[in-house]
Protein backbone atom coordinates (compact mmCIF):
# COMPACT_ATOMS: atom_id res chain seq x y z
CA MET A 1 29.55 -39.66 -42.36
CA ILE A 2 33.16 -40.33 -42.91
CA ALA A 3 34.11 -43.56 -41.02
CA ASP A 4 37.24 -43.73 -38.97
CA GLU A 5 38.57 -46.40 -41.28
CA HIS A 6 38.57 -44.03 -44.24
CA LEU A 7 40.57 -41.41 -42.16
CA ARG A 8 43.00 -44.18 -41.04
CA LYS A 9 43.68 -44.89 -44.76
CA ILE A 10 44.84 -41.37 -45.26
CA LEU A 11 47.70 -42.02 -42.73
CA VAL A 12 48.89 -45.22 -44.24
CA THR A 13 52.56 -45.12 -44.67
CA ASN A 14 55.31 -46.84 -46.73
CA GLU A 15 58.32 -48.92 -45.66
CA GLN A 16 60.35 -45.74 -44.92
CA GLY A 17 57.41 -44.37 -42.61
CA PHE A 18 56.36 -41.64 -45.02
CA ILE A 19 52.57 -41.00 -45.86
CA LYS A 20 51.66 -42.64 -49.17
CA ARG A 21 49.10 -40.07 -50.14
CA ASN A 22 49.90 -36.85 -51.54
CA GLU A 23 48.09 -33.40 -51.09
CA SER A 24 45.29 -32.98 -53.73
CA SER A 25 42.19 -31.28 -54.87
CA THR A 26 40.44 -32.95 -51.67
CA LEU A 27 43.46 -33.28 -49.25
CA GLU A 28 45.84 -31.06 -47.28
CA PHE A 29 48.38 -31.80 -44.54
CA LYS A 30 49.45 -29.68 -41.59
CA ALA A 31 51.99 -30.33 -39.05
CA ASN A 32 50.06 -28.83 -36.09
CA PHE A 33 47.03 -26.73 -35.45
CA SER A 34 47.56 -23.00 -34.57
CA TYR A 35 45.05 -20.21 -33.82
CA ALA A 36 47.01 -17.73 -35.67
CA SER A 37 46.67 -19.73 -38.86
CA LEU A 38 42.61 -19.81 -38.72
CA PRO A 39 42.48 -17.61 -41.88
CA GLN A 40 44.72 -19.89 -43.83
CA TYR A 41 42.58 -22.84 -42.73
CA ALA A 42 39.31 -20.90 -43.56
CA LYS A 43 40.63 -20.09 -47.13
CA THR A 44 41.45 -23.81 -47.69
CA MET A 45 37.91 -24.87 -46.42
CA ALA A 46 36.14 -22.37 -48.66
CA ALA A 47 38.35 -23.70 -51.63
CA PHE A 48 37.29 -27.28 -50.63
CA ALA A 49 33.58 -26.26 -50.32
CA ASN A 50 33.55 -24.71 -53.82
CA ASN A 51 35.09 -27.94 -55.45
CA ARG A 52 34.23 -31.35 -54.13
CA GLY A 53 34.79 -30.88 -50.39
CA GLY A 54 37.96 -32.05 -48.80
CA ILE A 55 40.00 -32.87 -45.63
CA ILE A 56 42.62 -30.95 -43.75
CA VAL A 57 44.89 -33.35 -41.65
CA PHE A 58 46.77 -32.28 -38.70
CA GLY A 59 49.71 -34.07 -37.32
CA ILE A 60 51.73 -34.52 -40.59
CA THR A 61 55.08 -33.15 -41.12
CA ASP A 62 56.08 -31.52 -44.49
CA HIS A 63 58.95 -32.76 -46.81
CA PRO A 64 58.98 -35.57 -45.90
CA ARG A 65 55.44 -36.42 -44.85
CA ARG A 66 55.65 -38.24 -41.72
CA PRO A 67 52.68 -38.91 -39.25
CA ILE A 68 54.10 -37.47 -36.04
CA GLY A 69 50.80 -36.73 -34.44
CA LEU A 70 49.66 -33.43 -32.71
CA GLU A 71 52.33 -32.00 -30.43
CA ASN A 72 49.83 -30.09 -28.22
CA ASP A 73 46.23 -30.04 -27.14
CA ARG A 74 45.21 -26.76 -29.19
CA PHE A 75 43.20 -28.94 -31.75
CA ILE A 76 41.51 -31.05 -29.19
CA ASN A 77 40.49 -27.98 -27.15
CA LEU A 78 39.17 -26.05 -30.08
CA ASP A 79 35.57 -25.17 -29.79
CA SER A 80 34.00 -25.93 -33.29
CA ALA A 81 31.69 -22.99 -32.70
CA ARG A 82 34.69 -20.45 -32.62
CA LEU A 83 35.94 -21.59 -36.11
CA THR A 84 32.49 -21.82 -37.44
CA GLU A 85 31.87 -18.02 -36.16
CA GLU A 86 35.41 -16.96 -37.86
CA LEU A 87 34.19 -18.75 -41.12
CA ASN A 88 30.92 -17.03 -41.10
CA LYS A 89 32.58 -13.58 -40.50
CA VAL A 90 34.61 -13.85 -43.67
CA PHE A 91 32.60 -16.35 -46.19
CA GLU A 92 29.02 -16.60 -47.32
CA PRO A 93 27.05 -18.91 -47.77
CA GLU A 94 27.88 -21.01 -44.73
CA ILE A 95 30.66 -23.58 -45.07
CA ILE A 96 29.44 -26.96 -43.69
CA TRP A 97 32.37 -28.75 -41.71
CA LEU A 98 33.22 -31.30 -39.05
CA LYS A 99 36.20 -31.61 -36.54
CA ARG A 100 37.14 -35.03 -35.84
CA ASP A 101 40.35 -36.80 -34.38
CA ILE A 102 41.50 -40.31 -34.10
CA GLN A 103 44.47 -42.07 -32.16
CA ILE A 104 46.79 -44.29 -34.03
CA ASN A 105 49.84 -45.95 -32.17
CA GLY A 106 49.48 -43.49 -29.28
CA LYS A 107 49.55 -40.46 -31.63
CA ILE A 108 46.51 -38.27 -32.06
CA PHE A 109 45.56 -36.92 -35.59
CA GLY A 110 43.16 -34.07 -36.20
CA PHE A 111 40.87 -33.63 -39.10
CA PHE A 112 38.74 -30.77 -40.49
CA ILE A 113 36.23 -32.58 -42.95
CA VAL A 114 34.58 -30.03 -45.21
CA GLU A 115 31.42 -30.84 -47.25
CA GLU A 116 31.01 -29.82 -50.78
CA ALA A 117 28.94 -26.73 -50.84
CA LYS A 118 25.21 -27.06 -51.74
CA ASN A 119 24.86 -23.52 -52.63
CA LYS A 120 28.00 -22.52 -54.60
CA PRO A 121 29.72 -20.17 -54.89
CA ILE A 122 31.29 -19.66 -51.34
CA ILE A 123 32.30 -16.00 -51.59
CA ALA A 124 34.63 -14.00 -49.45
CA LYS A 125 32.65 -11.08 -47.91
CA ALA A 126 35.65 -9.50 -45.90
CA THR A 127 39.35 -9.09 -45.95
CA LYS A 128 41.30 -11.11 -43.37
CA GLY A 129 44.84 -12.23 -43.59
CA GLU A 130 45.42 -13.83 -46.92
CA ILE A 131 41.72 -13.87 -47.75
CA LYS A 132 40.59 -11.07 -49.92
CA GLU A 133 37.01 -9.60 -50.10
CA GLY A 134 34.97 -10.71 -53.06
CA VAL A 135 37.31 -13.48 -54.04
CA ILE A 136 35.89 -17.07 -54.81
CA TYR A 137 38.52 -19.59 -53.75
CA TYR A 138 38.66 -22.87 -55.58
CA ARG A 139 40.90 -26.04 -54.83
CA TYR A 140 43.25 -26.72 -57.83
CA TYR A 141 45.12 -30.09 -57.08
CA ALA A 142 47.10 -28.90 -53.93
CA ARG A 143 46.65 -25.26 -54.28
CA ASN A 144 44.00 -22.80 -53.14
CA GLU A 145 43.55 -20.23 -55.80
CA PRO A 146 40.96 -17.59 -57.04
CA ILE A 147 38.50 -19.36 -59.35
CA ARG A 148 39.22 -19.44 -63.04
CA TYR A 149 36.55 -19.02 -65.79
CA PRO A 150 35.98 -22.67 -66.71
CA GLU A 151 35.12 -23.67 -63.10
CA LEU A 152 32.95 -20.54 -62.50
CA ALA A 153 31.20 -20.90 -65.58
CA GLN A 154 30.46 -24.56 -64.56
CA ILE A 155 29.11 -23.36 -61.11
CA ILE A 156 26.82 -20.79 -62.91
CA GLY A 157 25.57 -23.44 -65.22
CA LYS A 158 24.60 -25.59 -62.60
CA ILE A 159 22.77 -22.69 -60.59
CA ARG A 160 20.80 -22.02 -63.77
CA GLU A 161 19.97 -25.78 -64.36
CA LYS A 162 18.78 -26.03 -60.75
CA GLU A 163 16.52 -23.12 -61.20
CA ARG A 164 15.30 -24.55 -64.38
CA ARG A 165 14.49 -27.91 -62.76
CA LEU A 166 12.69 -25.98 -60.01
CA TRP A 167 10.58 -24.21 -62.40
CA ILE A 168 9.63 -27.34 -64.30
CA ASN A 169 8.56 -29.00 -61.00
CA HIS A 170 6.46 -26.14 -59.84
CA ILE A 171 4.72 -25.90 -63.37
CA LYS A 172 4.02 -29.66 -63.27
CA GLN A 173 2.38 -29.26 -59.88
CA ILE A 174 0.40 -26.25 -61.11
CA ALA A 175 -0.83 -28.28 -64.13
CA HIS A 176 -1.65 -31.35 -61.97
CA ILE A 177 -4.06 -29.38 -59.72
CA GLY A 178 -5.07 -26.88 -62.36
CA PRO A 179 -3.99 -23.29 -62.35
CA GLU A 180 -7.43 -22.12 -61.29
CA ASN A 181 -6.98 -23.97 -57.84
CA ALA A 182 -3.25 -23.06 -57.42
CA GLY A 183 -1.98 -20.29 -55.15
CA ILE A 184 1.51 -18.85 -54.36
CA PHE A 185 2.62 -18.51 -50.73
CA ASN A 186 5.18 -15.65 -49.93
CA PRO A 187 6.93 -16.62 -46.59
CA GLU A 188 8.15 -12.85 -46.43
CA ASP A 189 4.73 -11.28 -46.05
CA GLY A 190 2.60 -14.31 -45.26
CA LEU A 191 0.20 -13.75 -48.40
CA VAL A 192 -1.17 -16.80 -50.09
CA LYS A 193 -2.52 -15.54 -53.45
CA GLY A 194 -4.36 -17.36 -56.31
CA VAL A 195 -6.88 -16.97 -59.03
CA GLY A 196 -9.93 -17.89 -56.64
CA GLY A 197 -8.78 -15.31 -53.98
CA SER A 198 -6.26 -14.73 -51.36
CA PHE A 199 -5.68 -15.15 -47.58
CA LEU A 200 -3.01 -13.61 -45.27
CA ILE A 201 -1.19 -15.40 -42.45
CA ASP A 202 -0.51 -12.76 -39.70
CA ARG A 203 3.04 -11.66 -40.04
CA SER A 204 3.69 -12.27 -36.19
CA LEU A 205 2.70 -15.97 -36.73
CA LEU A 206 5.13 -16.69 -39.58
CA PRO A 207 8.15 -17.73 -37.43
CA HIS A 208 6.01 -19.95 -35.40
CA ILE A 209 4.02 -21.75 -38.00
CA GLN A 210 5.07 -25.28 -38.68
CA PHE A 211 4.11 -26.33 -42.36
CA ILE A 212 3.98 -29.99 -43.00
CA ARG A 213 6.16 -31.50 -45.81
CA GLU A 214 3.64 -33.30 -47.87
CA GLY A 215 -0.30 -33.09 -48.09
CA HIS A 216 -3.25 -33.25 -50.43
CA PHE A 217 -6.24 -31.31 -51.29
CA VAL A 218 -9.75 -32.24 -50.07
CA GLU A 219 -12.59 -31.66 -52.23
CA LYS A 220 -15.62 -29.69 -50.22
CA GLU A 221 -18.62 -28.92 -52.31
CA GLY A 222 -16.72 -29.05 -55.53
CA ALA A 223 -13.86 -26.61 -54.43
CA PRO A 224 -10.54 -27.33 -53.05
CA SER A 225 -9.78 -25.73 -49.79
CA VAL A 226 -6.47 -25.60 -47.58
CA LYS A 227 -5.77 -25.92 -43.91
CA LEU A 228 -2.73 -24.45 -42.43
CA ILE A 229 -1.23 -25.05 -38.88
CA GLY A 230 -2.07 -21.66 -37.21
CA ASN A 231 -4.56 -18.94 -37.42
CA VAL A 232 -5.31 -17.23 -40.71
CA HIS A 233 -7.27 -14.38 -41.87
CA VAL A 234 -9.29 -14.70 -45.06
CA ILE A 235 -9.15 -11.74 -47.47
CA GLY A 236 -12.52 -11.68 -49.48
CA GLY A 237 -15.39 -14.05 -48.82
CA ASP A 238 -16.67 -15.55 -45.57
CA GLU A 239 -14.33 -17.17 -43.03
CA GLU A 240 -15.05 -20.90 -42.78
CA GLU A 241 -13.42 -24.07 -41.52
CA LEU A 242 -10.65 -24.98 -43.96
CA ASP A 243 -10.73 -28.80 -44.32
CA GLY A 244 -7.87 -29.36 -46.92
CA ILE A 245 -4.26 -29.72 -46.43
CA ILE A 246 -1.55 -28.03 -48.45
CA GLY A 247 2.04 -29.32 -48.27
CA ILE A 248 4.83 -26.92 -48.08
CA GLN A 249 8.38 -27.66 -47.74
CA GLU A 250 9.73 -26.61 -44.48
CA LYS A 251 12.53 -24.05 -44.70
CA ALA A 252 16.19 -24.93 -43.99
CA ILE A 253 16.86 -25.10 -40.35
CA ASN A 254 19.58 -23.07 -38.90
CA GLN A 255 21.07 -22.57 -35.35
CA HIS A 256 18.71 -19.58 -34.86
CA ASP A 257 15.63 -21.67 -35.31
CA ILE A 258 17.10 -24.49 -33.11
CA ILE A 259 17.59 -22.03 -30.29
CA VAL A 260 14.52 -19.86 -30.55
CA ASN A 261 12.09 -22.94 -30.91
CA PHE A 262 13.55 -24.51 -27.96
CA LEU A 263 13.40 -21.30 -25.83
CA ASN A 264 9.79 -20.73 -26.94
CA GLN A 265 8.98 -24.49 -26.47
CA VAL A 266 7.69 -24.76 -30.00
CA LYS A 267 6.55 -28.30 -30.91
CA VAL A 268 8.21 -28.56 -34.23
CA ARG A 269 6.60 -31.12 -36.75
CA SER A 270 10.09 -32.52 -37.82
CA PRO A 271 12.31 -32.90 -34.46
CA GLU A 272 14.25 -35.51 -36.11
CA GLU A 273 15.49 -32.85 -38.72
CA TYR A 274 16.32 -30.53 -35.90
CA ILE A 275 18.58 -33.25 -34.30
CA LYS A 276 20.22 -33.94 -37.81
CA GLN A 277 20.90 -30.18 -38.36
CA ILE A 278 22.52 -30.08 -34.92
CA CYS A 279 24.85 -32.96 -35.82
CA LEU A 280 25.68 -31.22 -39.16
CA SER A 281 26.25 -27.77 -37.77
CA GLY A 282 29.66 -28.30 -36.33
CA ILE A 283 28.76 -26.42 -33.13
CA LYS A 284 29.30 -28.00 -30.02
CA TYR A 285 26.71 -26.37 -28.04
CA LEU A 286 23.15 -26.54 -29.22
CA PRO A 287 19.98 -27.83 -27.43
CA PHE A 288 19.19 -31.25 -28.33
CA TYR A 289 17.66 -33.08 -25.51
CA TYR A 290 14.31 -31.09 -26.01
CA TYR A 291 14.10 -32.30 -29.66
CA CYS A 292 14.94 -35.98 -28.76
CA LYS A 293 11.94 -35.61 -26.31
CA LEU A 294 9.61 -34.41 -28.92
CA ALA A 295 10.79 -37.18 -31.34
CA LYS A 296 10.38 -39.71 -28.48
CA ILE A 297 14.05 -40.79 -29.08
CA LYS A 298 15.59 -42.36 -25.97
CA LEU A 299 19.23 -41.25 -25.35
CA SER A 300 20.29 -44.84 -25.28
CA HIS A 301 19.12 -45.32 -28.78
CA LEU A 302 20.83 -42.17 -30.12
CA GLU A 303 23.80 -43.80 -31.69
CA THR A 304 21.81 -46.38 -33.59
CA LEU A 305 19.55 -43.59 -35.01
CA LEU A 306 22.28 -41.14 -35.80
CA ASN A 307 25.44 -43.16 -36.78
CA LYS A 308 24.96 -42.32 -40.46
CA ILE A 309 24.81 -38.54 -39.84
CA GLN A 310 28.03 -36.62 -39.97
CA GLY A 311 28.78 -35.07 -36.63
CA TYR A 312 26.82 -37.36 -34.39
CA GLN A 313 29.55 -38.26 -32.28
CA ALA A 314 29.54 -34.75 -30.83
CA ILE A 315 26.05 -35.27 -29.41
CA LEU A 316 27.04 -38.72 -27.89
CA THR A 317 30.10 -37.26 -26.18
CA ARG A 318 27.82 -34.45 -24.77
CA VAL A 319 25.43 -37.15 -23.42
CA LYS A 320 28.36 -38.42 -21.32
CA THR A 321 29.86 -35.20 -20.40
CA ASP A 322 27.08 -32.56 -19.95
CA ALA A 323 26.50 -33.50 -16.22
CA ALA A 324 30.03 -32.51 -15.53
CA LYS A 325 30.55 -29.67 -17.65
CA LEU A 326 27.27 -27.63 -17.84
CA PRO A 327 26.19 -26.93 -14.27
CA ILE A 328 28.62 -24.84 -12.29
CA LYS A 329 29.01 -23.51 -8.75
CA LEU A 330 30.04 -20.30 -7.64
CA LYS A 331 33.28 -20.62 -5.60
CA ASN A 332 34.38 -17.86 -3.21
CA THR A 333 37.76 -16.98 -4.66
CA GLY A 334 37.62 -13.44 -3.27
CA THR A 335 38.33 -12.12 -6.63
CA LYS A 336 36.54 -9.05 -8.41
CA ALA A 337 34.94 -11.47 -10.75
CA TYR A 338 33.29 -13.67 -8.05
CA LYS A 339 32.06 -10.36 -6.13
CA GLU A 340 30.48 -9.40 -9.65
CA LYS A 341 28.76 -12.74 -10.09
CA VAL A 342 27.24 -12.61 -6.49
CA LYS A 343 26.06 -9.21 -7.26
CA ILE A 344 24.19 -10.54 -10.45
CA LEU A 345 22.94 -13.50 -8.50
CA ASN A 346 21.55 -11.16 -5.81
CA GLN A 347 19.92 -8.88 -8.58
CA ILE A 348 18.09 -11.88 -9.91
CA LYS A 349 16.92 -13.05 -6.55
CA GLN A 350 15.59 -9.49 -5.93
CA ASN A 351 14.04 -9.21 -9.50
CA LYS A 352 16.36 -6.11 -10.21
CA LEU A 353 18.53 -7.58 -12.92
CA VAL A 354 19.81 -5.02 -15.31
CA PHE A 355 20.61 -6.23 -18.94
CA LEU A 356 23.76 -4.41 -20.16
CA ASP A 357 25.54 -4.80 -23.44
CA ASP A 358 28.97 -4.98 -21.78
CA ARG A 359 30.88 -8.31 -22.78
CA LYS A 360 32.21 -8.90 -19.20
CA THR A 361 28.71 -8.51 -17.37
CA LEU A 362 26.90 -10.58 -19.84
CA ARG A 363 29.53 -13.27 -19.53
CA TYR A 364 29.15 -13.29 -15.71
CA LEU A 365 25.43 -13.45 -16.21
CA LEU A 366 25.52 -16.37 -18.46
CA GLU A 367 27.79 -18.22 -15.87
CA VAL A 368 25.47 -17.29 -12.92
CA VAL A 369 22.45 -18.73 -14.98
CA ARG A 370 24.23 -21.95 -14.90
CA THR A 371 24.01 -22.16 -11.13
CA LEU A 372 20.21 -21.73 -11.02
CA ASN A 373 17.43 -24.56 -11.13
CA ASP A 374 14.37 -22.48 -11.86
CA VAL A 375 13.73 -23.36 -15.49
CA ASP A 376 11.12 -20.68 -15.96
CA LEU A 377 13.39 -18.01 -14.62
CA ILE A 378 16.29 -19.31 -16.69
CA ARG A 379 14.25 -19.20 -19.85
CA LYS A 380 12.98 -15.68 -19.24
CA ILE A 381 16.56 -14.49 -18.68
CA LEU A 382 17.92 -16.22 -21.73
CA LEU A 383 15.16 -14.97 -23.91
CA LYS A 384 15.89 -11.30 -22.87
CA VAL A 385 19.57 -11.84 -23.43
CA TYR A 386 19.04 -13.20 -26.74
CA GLU A 387 17.69 -9.67 -27.80
CA LYS A 388 21.12 -8.37 -27.57
CA PRO A 389 23.66 -8.62 -30.50
CA LEU A 390 25.45 -11.37 -28.93
CA ARG A 391 27.84 -12.12 -31.85
CA ARG A 392 29.04 -8.54 -31.99
CA ILE A 393 29.49 -8.36 -28.22
CA GLY A 394 31.36 -11.66 -28.14
CA VAL A 395 29.38 -13.80 -26.08
CA ILE A 396 27.50 -16.15 -28.45
CA GLY A 397 29.51 -19.20 -27.41
CA GLU A 398 28.71 -18.54 -23.61
CA PHE A 399 24.97 -18.07 -24.51
CA ARG A 400 24.87 -21.19 -26.41
CA ILE A 401 26.36 -23.01 -23.44
CA ALA A 402 23.89 -21.43 -20.98
CA VAL A 403 20.93 -22.56 -23.33
CA CYS A 404 22.27 -26.12 -23.33
CA TYR A 405 22.32 -25.98 -19.55
CA LEU A 406 18.55 -25.17 -19.52
CA ASP A 407 17.81 -27.93 -22.10
CA TYR A 408 19.84 -30.42 -19.85
CA ILE A 409 18.10 -29.60 -16.56
CA GLU A 410 14.79 -29.52 -18.16
CA ASN A 411 14.88 -32.40 -20.57
CA LYS A 412 17.63 -34.85 -19.84
């Protein structure tokens, strides 16, 4: 988490009122934020992520560099989810970033804070504007350029070293428990296979099974056994109670996990990790009250618990503003949009709702959902809507807000 004090130091000026800092491999200045320049920002963010991370500062003029502040509200009104979606359309793996703003002497300055990628390299998977498909961008001093051989070789070398360490770690663990007692779990098909036999976890259970992070083997009549949270089918031998515990690292949590586990009311084993990931995601609207409830965290204690996690302020802001922003009322404006929403509301009341792939209809439906109070009905509708290709249709942002509305009225 970068403190405000660090951001303020970037904006320190000399006696002439010019910014002392220069653009570098971790810093870039922009006079103002513009939606038309999103591809340019995305390219810079990818270049930062492939190097050591970095910060784009908005509100600084070029030649000379003066801190004039933002001239309009476009940066403040930017939904982080929109930029995240744009980044995900053109780059992979995901770029982790955070939007911040601070006020100095009545002037507001904006910041895109980009983390160094944990899974390098970030590669352009599509062409958009000055971004070219297949290119790996890298930050060289104050320039974003296609990566050169030395830096690419270094990244590849680190990938190999990471894999080498993982293999050594796995081998050490196998050696510790004995190869005759070890088994390998394949999360793709649910098969756990070892020298002593195999067992299969039903494929339909895999998305819902929560594995604990650490555990131990318990000896039972001289043979180790394992216990999984969920039902298992043993292949070969008799089915019997499995008293041991096996520790398996929980997979990386993404926004799909956060939404699906909330909608299905899954009692995840590490709700604190979900809250942390929500903070780090850069997405404004994800359900977090449910995970706070699971973790038995009081909202009044959130700041104390999360103040070291990058992006925690977005959650604190939502705690203060959700009551005003999430619930809505249908106002009789006499417009065609109002009549369409009333029509959808009547379909819901009559249990005759039709789920279409039309962007406008889905957007109206997701707004109508935020006028309802029946949590079971809302959950049923949202689960059905989530079957649609929401990102392609263009309503993923509206869907997240509707999910957060359900989370708010049910768990706040």
